[in-house]
PDB file of N, CA and C in Angstrom:
ATOM      1  N   UNK A   1      26.611  56.847  83.618  1.00  0.00           N
ATOM      2  CA  UNK A   1      27.939  57.213  83.997  1.00  0.00           C
ATOM      3  C   UNK A   1      28.283  58.567  83.387  1.00  0.00           C
ATOM      4  N   UNK A   2      28.845  59.302  84.187  1.00  0.00           N
ATOM      5  CA  UNK A   2      29.207  60.654  83.799  1.00  0.00           C
ATOM      6  C   UNK A   2      30.658  60.713  83.370  1.00  0.00           C
ATOM      7  N   UNK A   3      30.906  61.342  82.276  1.00  0.00           N
ATOM      8  CA  UNK A   3      32.283  61.493  81.832  1.00  0.00           C
ATOM      9  C   UNK A   3      32.736  62.930  82.053  1.00  0.00           C
ATOM     10  N   UNK A   4      33.883  63.038  82.526  1.00  0.00           N
ATOM     11  CA  UNK A   4      34.450  64.360  82.809  1.00  0.00           C
ATOM     12  C   UNK A   4      35.360  64.738  81.649  1.00  0.00           C
ATOM     13  N   UNK A   5      35.129  65.907  81.122  1.00  0.00           N
ATOM     14  CA  UNK A   5      35.973  66.364  80.023  1.00  0.00           C
ATOM     15  C   UNK A   5      37.157  67.132  80.601  1.00  0.00           C
ATOM     16  N   UNK A   6      38.265  66.791  80.139  1.00  0.00           N
ATOM     17  CA  UNK A   6      39.491  67.437  80.600  1.00  0.00           C
ATOM     18  C   UNK A   6      39.901  68.458  79.549  1.00  0.00           C
ATOM     19  N   UNK A   7      40.028  69.683  80.018  1.00  0.00           N
ATOM     20  CA  UNK A   7      40.444  70.751  79.110  1.00  0.00           C
ATOM     21  C   UNK A   7      41.966  70.779  79.031  1.00  0.00           C
ATOM     22  N   UNK A   8      42.494  70.999  77.859  1.00  0.00           N
ATOM     23  CA  UNK A   8      43.955  71.077  77.757  1.00  0.00           C
ATOM     24  C   UNK A   8      44.462  72.329  78.488  1.00  0.00           C
ATOM     25  N   UNK A   9      45.580  72.194  79.132  1.00  0.00           N
ATOM     26  CA  UNK A   9      46.176  73.319  79.857  1.00  0.00           C
ATOM     27  C   UNK A   9      46.774  74.309  78.865  1.00  0.00           C
ATOM     28  N   UNK A  10      46.655  75.585  79.214  1.00  0.00           N
ATOM     29  CA  UNK A  10      47.237  76.622  78.368  1.00  0.00           C
ATOM     30  C   UNK A  10      48.755  76.563  78.478  1.00  0.00           C
ATOM     31  N   UNK A  11      49.401  76.732  77.361  1.00  0.00           N
ATOM     32  CA  UNK A  11      50.865  76.687  77.356  1.00  0.00           C
ATOM     33  C   UNK A  11      51.419  77.948  78.002  1.00  0.00           C
ATOM     34  N   UNK A  12      52.449  77.762  78.783  1.00  0.00           N
ATOM     35  CA  UNK A  12      53.088  78.898  79.425  1.00  0.00           C
ATOM     36  C   UNK A  12      54.019  79.571  78.423  1.00  0.00           C
ATOM     37  N   UNK A  13      54.086  80.884  78.467  1.00  0.00           N
ATOM     38  CA  UNK A  13      54.917  81.608  77.487  1.00  0.00           C
ATOM     39  C   UNK A  13      56.396  81.601  77.864  1.00  0.00           C
ATOM     40  N   UNK A  14      57.000  80.443  77.961  1.00  0.00           N
ATOM     41  CA  UNK A  14      58.398  80.369  78.358  1.00  0.00           C
ATOM     42  C   UNK A  14      59.338  80.803  77.249  1.00  0.00           C
ATOM     43  N   UNK A  15      58.924  80.635  76.011  1.00  0.00           N
ATOM     44  CA  UNK A  15      59.777  81.036  74.892  1.00  0.00           C
ATOM     45  C   UNK A  15      60.001  82.557  74.921  1.00  0.00           C
ATOM     46  N   UNK A  16      58.950  83.316  75.179  1.00  0.00           N
ATOM     47  CA  UNK A  16      59.082  84.777  75.245  1.00  0.00           C
ATOM     48  C   UNK A  16      59.997  85.179  76.395  1.00  0.00           C
ATOM     49  N   UNK A  17      59.875  84.517  77.532  1.00  0.00           N
ATOM     50  CA  UNK A  17      60.718  84.825  78.679  1.00  0.00           C
ATOM     51  C   UNK A  17      62.184  84.502  78.382  1.00  0.00           C
ATOM     52  N   UNK A  18      62.426  83.387  77.732  1.00  0.00           N
ATOM     53  CA  UNK A  18      63.793  83.018  77.368  1.00  0.00           C
ATOM     54  C   UNK A  18      64.379  84.038  76.406  1.00  0.00           C
ATOM     55  N   UNK A  19      63.596  84.504  75.454  1.00  0.00           N
ATOM     56  CA  UNK A  19      64.075  85.516  74.501  1.00  0.00           C
ATOM     57  C   UNK A  19      64.447  86.818  75.217  1.00  0.00           C
ATOM     58  N   UNK A  20      63.638  87.240  76.159  1.00  0.00           N
ATOM     59  CA  UNK A  20      63.919  88.489  76.877  1.00  0.00           C
ATOM     60  C   UNK A  20      65.192  88.353  77.703  1.00  0.00           C
ATOM     61  N   UNK A  21      65.332  87.239  78.408  1.00  0.00           N
ATOM     62  CA  UNK A  21      66.533  87.026  79.216  1.00  0.00           C
ATOM     63  C   UNK A  21      67.768  86.955  78.331  1.00  0.00           C
ATOM     64  N   UNK A  22      67.663  86.310  77.202  1.00  0.00           N
ATOM     65  CA  UNK A  22      68.786  86.214  76.271  1.00  0.00           C
ATOM     66  C   UNK A  22      69.187  87.596  75.748  1.00  0.00           C
ATOM     67  N   UNK A  23      68.217  88.420  75.380  1.00  0.00           N
ATOM     68  CA  UNK A  23      68.518  89.773  74.902  1.00  0.00           C
ATOM     69  C   UNK A  23      69.161  90.620  76.002  1.00  0.00           C
ATOM     70  N   UNK A  24      68.694  90.464  77.238  1.00  0.00           N
ATOM     71  CA  UNK A  24      69.302  91.209  78.341  1.00  0.00           C
ATOM     72  C   UNK A  24      70.746  90.747  78.567  1.00  0.00           C
ATOM     73  N   UNK A  25      70.985  89.463  78.447  1.00  0.00           N
ATOM     74  CA  UNK A  25      72.334  88.937  78.599  1.00  0.00           C
ATOM     75  C   UNK A  25      73.270  89.522  77.554  1.00  0.00           C
ATOM     76  N   UNK A  26      72.822  89.556  76.304  1.00  0.00           N
ATOM     77  CA  UNK A  26      73.642  90.131  75.232  1.00  0.00           C
ATOM     78  C   UNK A  26      73.892  91.610  75.483  1.00  0.00           C
ATOM     79  N   UNK A  27      72.846  92.339  75.908  1.00  0.00           N
ATOM     80  CA  UNK A  27      73.003  93.771  76.170  1.00  0.00           C
ATOM     81  C   UNK A  27      74.062  94.018  77.248  1.00  0.00           C
ATOM     82  N   UNK A  28      73.991  93.304  78.362  1.00  0.00           N
ATOM     83  CA  UNK A  28      74.942  93.539  79.447  1.00  0.00           C
ATOM     84  C   UNK A  28      76.350  93.075  79.086  1.00  0.00           C
ATOM     85  N   UNK A  29      76.457  92.074  78.252  1.00  0.00           N
ATOM     86  CA  UNK A  29      77.789  91.654  77.804  1.00  0.00           C
ATOM     87  C   UNK A  29      78.437  92.737  76.951  1.00  0.00           C
ATOM     88  N   UNK A  30      77.655  93.363  76.084  1.00  0.00           N
ATOM     89  CA  UNK A  30      78.195  94.420  75.225  1.00  0.00           C
ATOM     90  C   UNK A  30      78.473  95.684  76.042  1.00  0.00           C
ATOM     91  N   UNK A  31      77.528  96.064  76.897  1.00  0.00           N
ATOM     92  CA  UNK A  31      77.692  97.284  77.699  1.00  0.00           C
ATOM     93  C   UNK A  31      78.854  97.155  78.676  1.00  0.00           C
ATOM     94  N   UNK A  32      79.128  95.973  79.154  1.00  0.00           N
ATOM     95  CA  UNK A  32      80.204  95.773  80.113  1.00  0.00           C
ATOM     96  C   UNK A  32      81.585  95.831  79.503  1.00  0.00           C
ATOM     97  N   UNK A  33      81.692  95.734  78.193  1.00  0.00           N
ATOM     98  CA  UNK A  33      83.007  95.733  77.555  1.00  0.00           C
ATOM     99  C   UNK A  33      83.333  97.068  76.898  1.00  0.00           C
ATOM    100  N   UNK A  34      82.586  98.114  77.183  1.00  0.00           N
ATOM    101  CA  UNK A  34      82.862  99.413  76.566  1.00  0.00           C
ATOM    102  C   UNK A  34      84.174 100.010  77.072  1.00  0.00           C
ATOM    103  N   UNK A  35      84.446  99.870  78.347  1.00  0.00           N
ATOM    104  CA  UNK A  35      85.670 100.422  78.923  1.00  0.00           C
ATOM    105  C   UNK A  35      86.607  99.268  79.262  1.00  0.00           C
ATOM    106  N   UNK A  36      87.762  99.292  78.649  1.00  0.00           N
ATOM    107  CA  UNK A  36      88.737  98.241  78.910  1.00  0.00           C
ATOM    108  C   UNK A  36      89.420  98.445  80.234  1.00  0.00           C
ATOM    109  N   UNK A  37      90.035  97.406  80.775  1.00  0.00           N
ATOM    110  CA  UNK A  37      90.729  97.542  82.056  1.00  0.00           C
ATOM    111  C   UNK A  37      92.016  98.348  81.909  1.00  0.00           C
ATOM    112  N   UNK A  38      92.458  98.923  83.020  1.00  0.00           N
ATOM    113  CA  UNK A  38      93.712  99.675  83.041  1.00  0.00           C
ATOM    114  C   UNK A  38      94.866  98.686  82.922  1.00  0.00           C
ATOM    115  N   UNK A  39      95.876  99.085  82.188  1.00  0.00           N
ATOM    116  CA  UNK A  39      97.054  98.243  82.021  1.00  0.00           C
ATOM    117  C   UNK A  39      97.666  97.953  83.386  1.00  0.00           C
ATOM    118  N   UNK A  40      98.002  96.713  83.645  1.00  0.00           N
ATOM    119  CA  UNK A  40      98.532  96.314  84.951  1.00  0.00           C
ATOM    120  C   UNK A  40      99.912  96.893  85.224  1.00  0.00           C
ATOM    121  N   UNK A  41     100.610  97.347  84.208  1.00  0.00           N
ATOM    122  CA  UNK A  41     101.937  97.936  84.401  1.00  0.00           C
ATOM    123  C   UNK A  41     101.862  99.342  84.976  1.00  0.00           C
ATOM    124  N   UNK A  42     100.679  99.971  84.898  1.00  0.00           N
ATOM    125  CA  UNK A  42     100.500 101.338  85.378  1.00  0.00           C
ATOM    126  C   UNK A  42     100.117 101.298  86.849  1.00  0.00           C
ATOM    127  N   UNK A  43     100.834 102.063  87.658  1.00  0.00           N
ATOM    128  CA  UNK A  43     100.447 102.199  89.064  1.00  0.00           C
ATOM    129  C   UNK A  43      99.930 103.626  89.259  1.00  0.00           C
ATOM    130  N   UNK A  44      98.750 103.728  89.830  1.00  0.00           N
ATOM    131  CA  UNK A  44      98.104 105.028  89.998  1.00  0.00           C
ATOM    132  C   UNK A  44      98.715 105.795  91.161  1.00  0.00           C
ATOM    133  N   UNK A  45      98.638 107.124  91.087  1.00  0.00           N
ATOM    134  CA  UNK A  45      99.190 107.958  92.145  1.00  0.00           C
ATOM    135  C   UNK A  45      98.291 107.899  93.376  1.00  0.00           C
ATOM    136  N   UNK A  46      98.865 108.157  94.535  1.00  0.00           N
ATOM    137  CA  UNK A  46      98.114 108.175  95.778  1.00  0.00           C
ATOM    138  C   UNK A  46      98.009 109.615  96.247  1.00  0.00           C
ATOM    139  N   UNK A  47      96.815 110.013  96.648  1.00  0.00           N
ATOM    140  CA  UNK A  47      96.601 111.393  97.058  1.00  0.00           C
ATOM    141  C   UNK A  47      96.363 111.537  98.553  1.00  0.00           C
ATOM    142  N   UNK A  48      96.653 110.512  99.323  1.00  0.00           N
ATOM    143  CA  UNK A  48      96.373 110.589 100.751  1.00  0.00           C
ATOM    144  C   UNK A  48      97.317 111.530 101.493  1.00  0.00           C
ATOM    145  N   UNK A  49      98.531 111.712 100.998  1.00  0.00           N
ATOM    146  CA  UNK A  49      99.519 112.527 101.709  1.00  0.00           C
ATOM    147  C   UNK A  49      99.676 113.934 101.124  1.00  0.00           C
ATOM    148  N   UNK A  50      98.810 114.325 100.205  1.00  0.00           N
ATOM    149  CA  UNK A  50      98.929 115.639  99.574  1.00  0.00           C
ATOM    150  C   UNK A  50      98.252 116.694 100.442  1.00  0.00           C
ATOM    151  N   UNK A  51      98.925 117.819 100.629  1.00  0.00           N
ATOM    152  CA  UNK A  51      98.322 118.924 101.365  1.00  0.00           C
ATOM    153  C   UNK A  51      97.233 119.556 100.525  1.00  0.00           C
ATOM    154  N   UNK A  52      96.102 119.867 101.167  1.00  0.00           N
ATOM    155  CA  UNK A  52      95.011 120.522 100.449  1.00  0.00           C
ATOM    156  C   UNK A  52      95.275 122.007 100.312  1.00  0.00           C
ATOM    157  N   UNK A  53      95.475 122.475  99.108  1.00  0.00           N
ATOM    158  CA  UNK A  53      95.698 123.904  98.848  1.00  0.00           C
ATOM    159  C   UNK A  53      94.798 124.329  97.714  1.00  0.00           C
ATOM    160  N   UNK A  54      94.329 125.561  97.791  1.00  0.00           N
ATOM    161  CA  UNK A  54      93.489 126.068  96.712  1.00  0.00           C
ATOM    162  C   UNK A  54      94.347 126.378  95.495  1.00  0.00           C
ATOM    163  N   UNK A  55      93.770 126.312  94.299  1.00  0.00           N
ATOM    164  CA  UNK A  55      94.517 126.716  93.104  1.00  0.00           C
ATOM    165  C   UNK A  55      94.899 128.186  93.217  1.00  0.00           C
ATOM    166  N   UNK A  56      96.031 128.590  92.642  1.00  0.00           N
ATOM    167  CA  UNK A  56      96.493 129.965  92.823  1.00  0.00           C
ATOM    168  C   UNK A  56      95.561 131.017  92.231  1.00  0.00           C
ATOM    169  N   UNK A  57      94.755 130.639  91.246  1.00  0.00           N
ATOM    170  CA  UNK A  57      93.865 131.617  90.613  1.00  0.00           C
ATOM    171  C   UNK A  57      92.448 131.554  91.157  1.00  0.00           C
ATOM    172  N   UNK A  58      92.226 130.793  92.226  1.00  0.00           N
ATOM    173  CA  UNK A  58      90.876 130.608  92.756  1.00  0.00           C
ATOM    174  C   UNK A  58      90.543 131.672  93.795  1.00  0.00           C
ATOM    175  N   UNK A  59      89.286 132.028  93.826  1.00  0.00           N
ATOM    176  CA  UNK A  59      88.755 132.970  94.794  1.00  0.00           C
ATOM    177  C   UNK A  59      88.297 132.173  96.008  1.00  0.00           C
ATOM    178  N   UNK A  60      88.908 132.425  97.165  1.00  0.00           N
ATOM    179  CA  UNK A  60      88.577 131.689  98.387  1.00  0.00           C
ATOM    180  C   UNK A  60      87.510 132.475  99.146  1.00  0.00           C
ATOM    181  N   UNK A  61      86.458 131.762  99.555  1.00  0.00           N
ATOM    182  CA  UNK A  61      85.360 132.397 100.292  1.00  0.00           C
ATOM    183  C   UNK A  61      85.312 131.765 101.677  1.00  0.00           C
ATOM    184  N   UNK A  62      85.554 132.573 102.701  1.00  0.00           N
ATOM    185  CA  UNK A  62      85.543 132.081 104.070  1.00  0.00           C
ATOM    186  C   UNK A  62      84.111 131.975 104.591  1.00  0.00           C
ATOM    187  N   UNK A  63      83.948 131.350 105.748  1.00  0.00           N
ATOM    188  CA  UNK A  63      82.618 131.091 106.301  1.00  0.00           C
ATOM    189  C   UNK A  63      81.826 132.366 106.564  1.00  0.00           C
ATOM    190  N   UNK A  64      82.526 133.464 106.858  1.00  0.00           N
ATOM    191  CA  UNK A  64      81.822 134.730 107.102  1.00  0.00           C
ATOM    192  C   UNK A  64      81.494 135.480 105.820  1.00  0.00           C
ATOM    193  N   UNK A  65      81.902 134.940 104.673  1.00  0.00           N
ATOM    194  CA  UNK A  65      81.573 135.562 103.389  1.00  0.00           C
ATOM    195  C   UNK A  65      82.663 136.446 102.827  1.00  0.00           C
ATOM    196  N   UNK A  66      83.798 136.594 103.521  1.00  0.00           N
ATOM    197  CA  UNK A  66      84.878 137.426 102.991  1.00  0.00           C
ATOM    198  C   UNK A  66      85.581 136.690 101.854  1.00  0.00           C
ATOM    199  N   UNK A  67      85.991 137.456 100.852  1.00  0.00           N
ATOM    200  CA  UNK A  67      86.635 136.923  99.659  1.00  0.00           C
ATOM    201  C   UNK A  67      88.131 137.193  99.723  1.00  0.00           C
ATOM    202  N   UNK A  68      88.906 136.184  99.373  1.00  0.00           N
ATOM    203  CA  UNK A  68      90.363 136.317  99.368  1.00  0.00           C
ATOM    204  C   UNK A  68      90.912 135.765  98.061  1.00  0.00           C
ATOM    205  N   UNK A  69      91.883 136.476  97.509  1.00  0.00           N
ATOM    206  CA  UNK A  69      92.584 136.020  96.318  1.00  0.00           C
ATOM    207  C   UNK A  69      94.074 136.105  96.610  1.00  0.00           C
ATOM    208  N   UNK A  70      94.743 134.954  96.618  1.00  0.00           N
ATOM    209  CA  UNK A  70      96.174 134.861  96.920  1.00  0.00           C
ATOM    210  C   UNK A  70      96.518 135.527  98.250  1.00  0.00           C
ATOM    211  N   UNK A  71      95.633 135.359  99.245  1.00  0.00           N
ATOM    212  CA  UNK A  71      95.865 135.898 100.577  1.00  0.00           C
ATOM    213  C   UNK A  71      95.471 137.345 100.756  1.00  0.00           C
ATOM    214  N   UNK A  72      94.996 138.010  99.723  1.00  0.00           N
ATOM    215  CA  UNK A  72      94.610 139.419  99.798  1.00  0.00           C
ATOM    216  C   UNK A  72      93.085 139.506  99.787  1.00  0.00           C
ATOM    217  N   UNK A  73      92.530 140.338 100.663  1.00  0.00           N
ATOM    218  CA  UNK A  73      91.074 140.495 100.727  1.00  0.00           C
ATOM    219  C   UNK A  73      90.578 141.200  99.475  1.00  0.00           C
ATOM    220  N   UNK A  74      89.522 140.659  98.891  1.00  0.00           N
ATOM    221  CA  UNK A  74      88.869 141.251  97.721  1.00  0.00           C
ATOM    222  C   UNK A  74      87.540 141.807  98.200  1.00  0.00           C
ATOM    223  N   UNK A  75      87.224 143.030  97.782  1.00  0.00           N
ATOM    224  CA  UNK A  75      86.018 143.684  98.294  1.00  0.00           C
ATOM    225  C   UNK A  75      84.741 143.019  97.793  1.00  0.00           C
ATOM    226  N   UNK A  76      84.673 142.694  96.496  1.00  0.00           N
ATOM    227  CA  UNK A  76      83.489 142.032  95.963  1.00  0.00           C
ATOM    228  C   UNK A  76      83.836 141.298  94.666  1.00  0.00           C
ATOM    229  N   UNK A  77      82.872 140.620  94.119  1.00  0.00           N
ATOM    230  CA  UNK A  77      83.099 139.804  92.924  1.00  0.00           C
ATOM    231  C   UNK A  77      83.482 140.648  91.718  1.00  0.00           C
ATOM    232  N   UNK A  78      82.927 141.850  91.617  1.00  0.00           N
ATOM    233  CA  UNK A  78      83.246 142.720  90.485  1.00  0.00           C
ATOM    234  C   UNK A  78      84.707 143.140  90.508  1.00  0.00           C
ATOM    235  N   UNK A  79      85.225 143.436  91.693  1.00  0.00           N
ATOM    236  CA  UNK A  79      86.640 143.813  91.828  1.00  0.00           C
ATOM    237  C   UNK A  79      87.538 142.637  91.467  1.00  0.00           C
ATOM    238  N   UNK A  80      87.114 141.431  91.817  1.00  0.00           N
ATOM    239  CA  UNK A  80      87.888 140.243  91.470  1.00  0.00           C
ATOM    240  C   UNK A  80      87.954 140.053  89.963  1.00  0.00           C
ATOM    241  N   UNK A  81      86.825 140.179  89.293  1.00  0.00           N
ATOM    242  CA  UNK A  81      86.795 139.983  87.840  1.00  0.00           C
ATOM    243  C   UNK A  81      87.516 141.098  87.097  1.00  0.00           C
ATOM    244  N   UNK A  82      87.603 142.267  87.689  1.00  0.00           N
ATOM    245  CA  UNK A  82      88.304 143.373  87.035  1.00  0.00           C
ATOM    246  C   UNK A  82      89.792 143.065  86.892  1.00  0.00           C
ATOM    247  N   UNK A  83      90.336 142.230  87.773  1.00  0.00           N
ATOM    248  CA  UNK A  83      91.754 141.878  87.719  1.00  0.00           C
ATOM    249  C   UNK A  83      92.055 140.762  86.718  1.00  0.00           C
ATOM    250  N   UNK A  84      91.026 140.105  86.217  1.00  0.00           N
ATOM    251  CA  UNK A  84      91.219 138.973  85.315  1.00  0.00           C
ATOM    252  C   UNK A  84      91.195 139.386  83.858  1.00  0.00           C
ATOM    253  N   UNK A  85      91.900 138.622  83.035  1.00  0.00           N
ATOM    254  CA  UNK A  85      91.848 138.849  81.599  1.00  0.00           C
ATOM    255  C   UNK A  85      90.583 138.199  81.052  1.00  0.00           C
ATOM    256  N   UNK A  86      90.285 138.466  79.799  1.00  0.00           N
ATOM    257  CA  UNK A  86      89.098 137.890  79.176  1.00  0.00           C
ATOM    258  C   UNK A  86      89.178 136.366  79.158  1.00  0.00           C
ATOM    259  N   UNK A  87      90.364 135.838  78.917  1.00  0.00           N
ATOM    260  CA  UNK A  87      90.543 134.388  78.888  1.00  0.00           C
ATOM    261  C   UNK A  87      90.329 133.793  80.269  1.00  0.00           C
ATOM    262  N   UNK A  88      90.813 134.468  81.315  1.00  0.00           N
ATOM    263  CA  UNK A  88      90.649 133.972  82.677  1.00  0.00           C
ATOM    264  C   UNK A  88      89.200 134.037  83.135  1.00  0.00           C
ATOM    265  N   UNK A  89      88.407 134.922  82.550  1.00  0.00           N
ATOM    266  CA  UNK A  89      86.995 135.033  82.924  1.00  0.00           C
ATOM    267  C   UNK A  89      86.156 133.887  82.364  1.00  0.00           C
ATOM    268  N   UNK A  90      86.715 133.122  81.435  1.00  0.00           N
ATOM    269  CA  UNK A  90      85.961 132.015  80.852  1.00  0.00           C
ATOM    270  C   UNK A  90      85.571 131.012  81.936  1.00  0.00           C
ATOM    271  N   UNK A  91      86.506 130.683  82.809  1.00  0.00           N
ATOM    272  CA  UNK A  91      86.229 129.754  83.912  1.00  0.00           C
ATOM    273  C   UNK A  91      86.762 130.378  85.190  1.00  0.00           C
ATOM    274  N   UNK A  92      85.870 130.714  86.093  1.00  0.00           N
ATOM    275  CA  UNK A  92      86.245 131.293  87.383  1.00  0.00           C
ATOM    276  C   UNK A  92      86.085 130.208  88.440  1.00  0.00           C
ATOM    277  N   UNK A  93      87.142 129.963  89.196  1.00  0.00           N
ATOM    278  CA  UNK A  93      87.115 128.935  90.239  1.00  0.00           C
ATOM    279  C   UNK A  93      86.965 129.592  91.603  1.00  0.00           C
ATOM    280  N   UNK A  94      86.051 129.047  92.392  1.00  0.00           N
ATOM    281  CA  UNK A  94      85.888 129.538  93.754  1.00  0.00           C
ATOM    282  C   UNK A  94      86.025 128.356  94.712  1.00  0.00           C
ATOM    283  N   UNK A  95      86.649 128.639  95.851  1.00  0.00           N
ATOM    284  CA  UNK A  95      86.850 127.633  96.894  1.00  0.00           C
ATOM    285  C   UNK A  95      86.065 128.095  98.112  1.00  0.00           C
ATOM    286  N   UNK A  96      84.846 127.585  98.285  1.00  0.00           N
ATOM    287  CA  UNK A  96      84.052 128.018  99.439  1.00  0.00           C
ATOM    288  C   UNK A  96      84.403 127.229 100.694  1.00  0.00           C
ATOM    289  N   UNK A  97      84.300 127.892 101.820  1.00  0.00           N
ATOM    290  CA  UNK A  97      84.470 127.228 103.107  1.00  0.00           C
ATOM    291  C   UNK A  97      83.285 126.299 103.331  1.00  0.00           C
ATOM    292  N   UNK A  98      83.528 125.209 104.025  1.00  0.00           N
ATOM    293  CA  UNK A  98      82.466 124.234 104.293  1.00  0.00           C
ATOM    294  C   UNK A  98      81.323 124.851 105.094  1.00  0.00           C
ATOM    295  N   UNK A  99      81.637 125.812 105.948  1.00  0.00           N
ATOM    296  CA  UNK A  99      80.623 126.416 106.812  1.00  0.00           C
ATOM    297  C   UNK A  99      79.973 127.653 106.210  1.00  0.00           C
ATOM    298  N   UNK A 100      80.280 127.964 104.963  1.00  0.00           N
ATOM    299  CA  UNK A 100      79.660 129.108 104.294  1.00  0.00           C
ATOM    300  C   UNK A 100      78.187 128.797 104.030  1.00  0.00           C
ATOM    301  N   UNK A 101      77.280 129.682 104.466  1.00  0.00           N
ATOM    302  CA  UNK A 101      75.863 129.437 104.196  1.00  0.00           C
ATOM    303  C   UNK A 101      75.588 129.389 102.691  1.00  0.00           C
ATOM    304  N   UNK A 102      74.677 128.526 102.300  1.00  0.00           N
ATOM    305  CA  UNK A 102      74.383 128.301 100.882  1.00  0.00           C
ATOM    306  C   UNK A 102      73.874 129.563 100.204  1.00  0.00           C
ATOM    307  N   UNK A 103      73.069 130.356 100.891  1.00  0.00           N
ATOM    308  CA  UNK A 103      72.529 131.563 100.250  1.00  0.00           C
ATOM    309  C   UNK A 103      73.639 132.567  99.915  1.00  0.00           C
ATOM    310  N   UNK A 104      74.701 132.607 100.737  1.00  0.00           N
ATOM    311  CA  UNK A 104      75.823 133.489 100.425  1.00  0.00           C
ATOM    312  C   UNK A 104      76.602 132.965  99.215  1.00  0.00           C
ATOM    313  N   UNK A 105      76.790 131.652  99.152  1.00  0.00           N
ATOM    314  CA  UNK A 105      77.489 131.051  98.019  1.00  0.00           C
ATOM    315  C   UNK A 105      76.734 131.294  96.716  1.00  0.00           C
ATOM    316  N   UNK A 106      75.432 131.115  96.746  1.00  0.00           N
ATOM    317  CA  UNK A 106      74.626 131.353  95.547  1.00  0.00           C
ATOM    318  C   UNK A 106      74.676 132.824  95.164  1.00  0.00           C
ATOM    319  N   UNK A 107      74.647 133.712  96.144  1.00  0.00           N
ATOM    320  CA  UNK A 107      74.723 135.146  95.864  1.00  0.00           C
ATOM    321  C   UNK A 107      76.042 135.546  95.225  1.00  0.00           C
ATOM    322  N   UNK A 108      77.137 134.983  95.724  1.00  0.00           N
ATOM    323  CA  UNK A 108      78.456 135.292  95.163  1.00  0.00           C
ATOM    324  C   UNK A 108      78.568 134.719  93.749  1.00  0.00           C
ATOM    325  N   UNK A 109      78.068 133.496  93.552  1.00  0.00           N
ATOM    326  CA  UNK A 109      78.077 132.906  92.209  1.00  0.00           C
ATOM    327  C   UNK A 109      77.273 133.725  91.226  1.00  0.00           C
ATOM    328  N   UNK A 110      76.116 134.203  91.643  1.00  0.00           N
ATOM    329  CA  UNK A 110      75.285 135.051  90.778  1.00  0.00           C
ATOM    330  C   UNK A 110      75.968 136.379  90.475  1.00  0.00           C
ATOM    331  N   UNK A 111      76.641 136.948  91.480  1.00  0.00           N
ATOM    332  CA  UNK A 111      77.357 138.214  91.269  1.00  0.00           C
ATOM    333  C   UNK A 111      78.509 138.017  90.277  1.00  0.00           C
ATOM    334  N   UNK A 112      79.206 136.885  90.360  1.00  0.00           N
ATOM    335  CA  UNK A 112      80.285 136.614  89.408  1.00  0.00           C
ATOM    336  C   UNK A 112      79.742 136.482  87.991  1.00  0.00           C
ATOM    337  N   UNK A 113      78.623 135.784  87.849  1.00  0.00           N
ATOM    338  CA  UNK A 113      78.027 135.629  86.514  1.00  0.00           C
ATOM    339  C   UNK A 113      77.550 136.980  85.969  1.00  0.00           C
ATOM    340  N   UNK A 114      76.950 137.784  86.835  1.00  0.00           N
ATOM    341  CA  UNK A 114      76.468 139.098  86.404  1.00  0.00           C
ATOM    342  C   UNK A 114      77.616 140.032  86.043  1.00  0.00           C
ATOM    343  N   UNK A 115      78.776 139.835  86.675  1.00  0.00           N
ATOM    344  CA  UNK A 115      79.935 140.690  86.412  1.00  0.00           C
ATOM    345  C   UNK A 115      80.715 140.269  85.174  1.00  0.00           C
ATOM    346  N   UNK A 116      80.352 139.111  84.574  1.00  0.00           N
ATOM    347  CA  UNK A 116      81.008 138.731  83.326  1.00  0.00           C
ATOM    348  C   UNK A 116      81.686 137.379  83.300  1.00  0.00           C
ATOM    349  N   UNK A 117      81.580 136.605  84.363  1.00  0.00           N
ATOM    350  CA  UNK A 117      82.175 135.259  84.363  1.00  0.00           C
ATOM    351  C   UNK A 117      81.309 134.339  83.503  1.00  0.00           C
ATOM    352  N   UNK A 118      81.950 133.610  82.580  1.00  0.00           N
ATOM    353  CA  UNK A 118      81.192 132.698  81.727  1.00  0.00           C
ATOM    354  C   UNK A 118      80.776 131.447  82.484  1.00  0.00           C
ATOM    355  N   UNK A 119      81.704 130.852  83.225  1.00  0.00           N
ATOM    356  CA  UNK A 119      81.415 129.668  84.029  1.00  0.00           C
ATOM    357  C   UNK A 119      81.997 129.862  85.413  1.00  0.00           C
ATOM    358  N   UNK A 120      81.265 129.433  86.416  1.00  0.00           N
ATOM    359  CA  UNK A 120      81.736 129.481  87.793  1.00  0.00           C
ATOM    360  C   UNK A 120      81.841 128.044  88.280  1.00  0.00           C
ATOM    361  N   UNK A 121      83.054 127.638  88.654  1.00  0.00           N
ATOM    362  CA  UNK A 121      83.280 126.264  89.109  1.00  0.00           C
ATOM    363  C   UNK A 121      83.646 126.261  90.582  1.00  0.00           C
ATOM    364  N   UNK A 122      83.051 125.328  91.324  1.00  0.00           N
ATOM    365  CA  UNK A 122      83.373 125.161  92.732  1.00  0.00           C
ATOM    366  C   UNK A 122      84.494 124.144  92.870  1.00  0.00           C
ATOM    367  N   UNK A 123      85.488 124.478  93.641  1.00  0.00           N
ATOM    368  CA  UNK A 123      86.569 123.534  93.937  1.00  0.00           C
ATOM    369  C   UNK A 123      86.233 122.930  95.291  1.00  0.00           C
ATOM    370  N   UNK A 124      86.153 121.601  95.323  1.00  0.00           N
ATOM    371  CA  UNK A 124      85.756 120.946  96.566  1.00  0.00           C
ATOM    372  C   UNK A 124      86.670 119.762  96.846  1.00  0.00           C
ATOM    373  N   UNK A 125      86.525 119.238  98.017  1.00  0.00           N
ATOM    374  CA  UNK A 125      87.286 118.075  98.431  1.00  0.00           C
ATOM    375  C   UNK A 125      86.550 116.832  97.942  1.00  0.00           C
ATOM    376  N   UNK A 126      87.287 115.907  97.371  1.00  0.00           N
ATOM    377  CA  UNK A 126      86.676 114.684  96.868  1.00  0.00           C
ATOM    378  C   UNK A 126      86.302 113.792  98.051  1.00  0.00           C
ATOM    379  N   UNK A 127      85.099 113.244  97.991  1.00  0.00           N
ATOM    380  CA  UNK A 127      84.657 112.344  99.046  1.00  0.00           C
ATOM    381  C   UNK A 127      85.401 111.030  98.944  1.00  0.00           C
ATOM    382  N   UNK A 128      85.801 110.512 100.077  1.00  0.00           N
ATOM    383  CA  UNK A 128      86.514 109.237 100.099  1.00  0.00           C
ATOM    384  C   UNK A 128      85.502 108.105 100.180  1.00  0.00           C
ATOM    385  N   UNK A 129      85.756 106.991  99.463  1.00  0.00           N
ATOM    386  CA  UNK A 129      84.809 105.872  99.518  1.00  0.00           C
ATOM    387  C   UNK A 129      84.825 105.170 100.849  1.00  0.00           C
TER     388      UNK A 129
END
C-alpha cells in the first residue's frame, strides 16, 4: 500500500496586506482633514452676471498682435514698460485675445521680460466646470 504524503500549505501573507491597508486608511484619514469645511453661515459670491473687463493696468493684445493700454494703441512692449514705474514692472499683466497665435504671445512675453518686466502674468477667463 502506498501512502501519500501531504505537504502543508504555505501560509498566505494576509497580515502584511492588512497592515498595508490599515496604514493607507490612516494616511487618507489624516490627509483628508487638512482643510476644514467652509463655515455654513458664509455664502459665496456668484460671478455669472459679472461683465468681463480687463484690469485697468493690463496690456491687451488683440488677435492681430496690436497692443492696447486703456484703449490707446501701444507701439511695442518697450514703450509700454517705459510708462510704468519700477514697482509696476514687478508684475506685468497681459490680456491676450483667444485667437492670438501662440508664437506672437510668446514673442511679446519675451520682449516684456527683455525690456525689464520681472514677471509676466496672463489674465484669462476661468473655465467653468
